[in-house]
Structures are given as structure tokens and as C-alpha cells.
Amino acid sequence: MIIGSTVIFRGEKYKIIWLYDNGTCEIKKKDSLGQVELVRLSELKTFEKTICSY
């Protein structure tokens, strides 16, 4: 996953705004102004087109 990817969390669309080395990330709801949530990457579902492997 990369910063800016769209993911699904609890059935709603979110955008990844920061990734941490410990397997967590900050996400923000697509229609939210400033509320950010810290979640584990394993809790997220991704869209095929947003997956990036280096």
C-alpha cells in the first residue's frame, strides 16, 4: 500500500495519509474534514488498482 491509496475500513472508503513501520497507518474518511484514525494494515481492504509493489 502507498500513501494516497483508497481503502475500505468497516465498509466505508478511506484514504491512507501516513504509513508506519510497525504495521499501522493513519487513514481519513473520504468525506471527512479532519478526523484521522490509526489502524492496522491488516484491518484494511484494498482495491486491486491501488496496490503497488516495489
N, C-alpha and C. Protein backbone atom coordinates (compact mmCIF):
# COMPACT_ATOMS: atom_id res chain seq x y z
N MET A 1 0.84 -1.18 0.00
CA MET A 1 0.00 0.00 0.00
C MET A 1 0.88 1.24 0.00
N ILE A 2 0.33 2.30 -0.55
CA ILE A 2 1.07 3.55 -0.60
C ILE A 2 0.19 4.69 -0.08
N ILE A 3 0.83 5.75 0.33
CA ILE A 3 0.10 6.94 0.78
C ILE A 3 -0.76 7.44 -0.38
N GLY A 4 -2.01 7.76 -0.07
CA GLY A 4 -2.93 8.24 -1.10
C GLY A 4 -3.84 7.15 -1.62
N SER A 5 -3.56 5.89 -1.27
CA SER A 5 -4.41 4.78 -1.74
C SER A 5 -5.78 4.87 -1.10
N THR A 6 -6.79 4.44 -1.84
CA THR A 6 -8.14 4.33 -1.31
C THR A 6 -8.32 2.91 -0.78
N VAL A 7 -8.83 2.81 0.45
CA VAL A 7 -9.03 1.52 1.10
C VAL A 7 -10.44 1.46 1.69
N ILE A 8 -10.86 0.25 2.04
CA ILE A 8 -12.13 0.05 2.72
C ILE A 8 -11.84 -0.32 4.17
N PHE A 9 -12.48 0.38 5.11
CA PHE A 9 -12.36 0.11 6.53
C PHE A 9 -13.76 0.18 7.12
N ARG A 10 -14.21 -0.93 7.72
CA ARG A 10 -15.57 -1.01 8.29
C ARG A 10 -16.64 -0.64 7.27
N GLY A 11 -16.41 -1.05 6.02
CA GLY A 11 -17.41 -0.86 4.98
C GLY A 11 -17.47 0.52 4.36
N GLU A 12 -16.55 1.39 4.72
CA GLU A 12 -16.54 2.75 4.17
C GLU A 12 -15.20 3.06 3.52
N LYS A 13 -15.20 4.01 2.57
CA LYS A 13 -13.98 4.37 1.86
C LYS A 13 -13.15 5.36 2.67
N TYR A 14 -11.84 5.06 2.73
CA TYR A 14 -10.88 5.92 3.42
C TYR A 14 -9.68 6.13 2.51
N LYS A 15 -8.88 7.12 2.84
CA LYS A 15 -7.64 7.39 2.12
C LYS A 15 -6.49 7.26 3.11
N ILE A 16 -5.42 6.56 2.71
CA ILE A 16 -4.24 6.43 3.55
C ILE A 16 -3.47 7.74 3.51
N ILE A 17 -3.21 8.30 4.70
CA ILE A 17 -2.47 9.57 4.72
C ILE A 17 -1.07 9.41 5.32
N TRP A 18 -0.81 8.29 6.04
CA TRP A 18 0.54 8.05 6.54
C TRP A 18 0.71 6.57 6.87
N LEU A 19 1.88 6.02 6.58
CA LEU A 19 2.21 4.62 6.88
C LEU A 19 3.34 4.57 7.91
N TYR A 20 3.22 3.65 8.87
CA TYR A 20 4.24 3.47 9.90
C TYR A 20 4.92 2.12 9.72
N ASP A 21 6.17 2.02 10.17
CA ASP A 21 6.95 0.79 10.05
C ASP A 21 6.41 -0.35 10.91
N ASN A 22 5.60 -0.04 11.91
CA ASN A 22 5.09 -1.07 12.82
C ASN A 22 3.80 -1.75 12.33
N GLY A 23 3.42 -1.50 11.08
CA GLY A 23 2.24 -2.14 10.50
C GLY A 23 0.93 -1.42 10.73
N THR A 24 1.01 -0.16 11.12
CA THR A 24 -0.20 0.64 11.27
C THR A 24 -0.16 1.80 10.29
N CYS A 25 -1.29 2.47 10.14
CA CYS A 25 -1.34 3.63 9.26
C CYS A 25 -2.43 4.58 9.73
N GLU A 26 -2.32 5.81 9.28
CA GLU A 26 -3.35 6.81 9.53
C GLU A 26 -4.23 6.88 8.30
N ILE A 27 -5.54 6.82 8.53
CA ILE A 27 -6.49 6.91 7.43
C ILE A 27 -7.50 8.01 7.73
N LYS A 28 -8.05 8.56 6.66
CA LYS A 28 -9.06 9.61 6.78
C LYS A 28 -10.23 9.25 5.89
N LYS A 29 -11.44 9.37 6.42
CA LYS A 29 -12.64 9.08 5.64
C LYS A 29 -12.71 10.02 4.45
N LYS A 30 -13.12 9.49 3.30
CA LYS A 30 -13.13 10.28 2.07
C LYS A 30 -13.95 11.56 2.19
N ASP A 31 -15.03 11.54 2.96
CA ASP A 31 -15.88 12.73 3.05
C ASP A 31 -15.70 13.48 4.38
N SER A 32 -14.65 13.16 5.12
CA SER A 32 -14.39 13.77 6.42
C SER A 32 -13.43 14.95 6.28
N LEU A 33 -13.60 15.95 7.12
CA LEU A 33 -12.73 17.11 7.05
C LEU A 33 -11.37 16.86 7.70
N GLY A 34 -11.31 16.41 8.94
CA GLY A 34 -10.03 16.29 9.59
C GLY A 34 -9.88 15.11 10.52
N GLN A 35 -10.90 14.29 10.67
CA GLN A 35 -10.84 13.17 11.59
C GLN A 35 -9.96 12.06 11.02
N VAL A 36 -8.92 11.70 11.76
CA VAL A 36 -7.95 10.69 11.33
C VAL A 36 -8.03 9.51 12.28
N GLU A 37 -7.92 8.29 11.74
CA GLU A 37 -7.92 7.09 12.56
C GLU A 37 -6.61 6.34 12.37
N LEU A 38 -6.11 5.76 13.46
CA LEU A 38 -4.92 4.94 13.42
C LEU A 38 -5.37 3.48 13.45
N VAL A 39 -5.04 2.72 12.39
CA VAL A 39 -5.50 1.33 12.27
C VAL A 39 -4.36 0.43 11.80
N ARG A 40 -4.53 -0.87 12.01
CA ARG A 40 -3.57 -1.84 11.49
C ARG A 40 -3.83 -2.07 10.01
N LEU A 41 -2.75 -2.28 9.26
CA LEU A 41 -2.89 -2.53 7.83
C LEU A 41 -3.72 -3.78 7.57
N SER A 42 -3.66 -4.75 8.47
CA SER A 42 -4.41 -5.99 8.30
C SER A 42 -5.92 -5.79 8.39
N GLU A 43 -6.36 -4.66 8.92
CA GLU A 43 -7.79 -4.36 9.04
C GLU A 43 -8.38 -3.74 7.77
N LEU A 44 -7.52 -3.42 6.80
CA LEU A 44 -7.95 -2.71 5.60
C LEU A 44 -8.12 -3.65 4.42
N LYS A 45 -9.06 -3.31 3.56
CA LYS A 45 -9.22 -3.98 2.27
C LYS A 45 -8.83 -2.97 1.20
N THR A 46 -8.13 -3.45 0.18
CA THR A 46 -7.67 -2.54 -0.87
C THR A 46 -8.38 -2.83 -2.18
N PHE A 47 -8.33 -1.87 -3.06
CA PHE A 47 -8.80 -2.05 -4.42
C PHE A 47 -7.62 -2.56 -5.23
N GLU A 48 -7.84 -3.47 -6.16
CA GLU A 48 -6.76 -4.04 -6.98
C GLU A 48 -5.90 -2.97 -7.64
N LYS A 49 -6.51 -1.92 -8.16
CA LYS A 49 -5.77 -0.92 -8.92
C LYS A 49 -4.88 -0.03 -8.06
N THR A 50 -5.05 -0.05 -6.72
CA THR A 50 -4.24 0.82 -5.87
C THR A 50 -3.09 0.08 -5.21
N ILE A 51 -2.95 -1.21 -5.43
CA ILE A 51 -1.85 -1.97 -4.83
C ILE A 51 -0.58 -1.70 -5.61
N CYS A 52 0.46 -1.40 -4.89
CA CYS A 52 1.75 -1.10 -5.52
C CYS A 52 2.82 -1.97 -4.90
N SER A 53 3.59 -2.67 -5.70
CA SER A 53 4.70 -3.46 -5.18
C SER A 53 5.99 -2.96 -5.79
N TYR A 54 6.99 -2.86 -4.98
CA TYR A 54 8.28 -2.34 -5.43
C TYR A 54 9.28 -3.45 -5.57
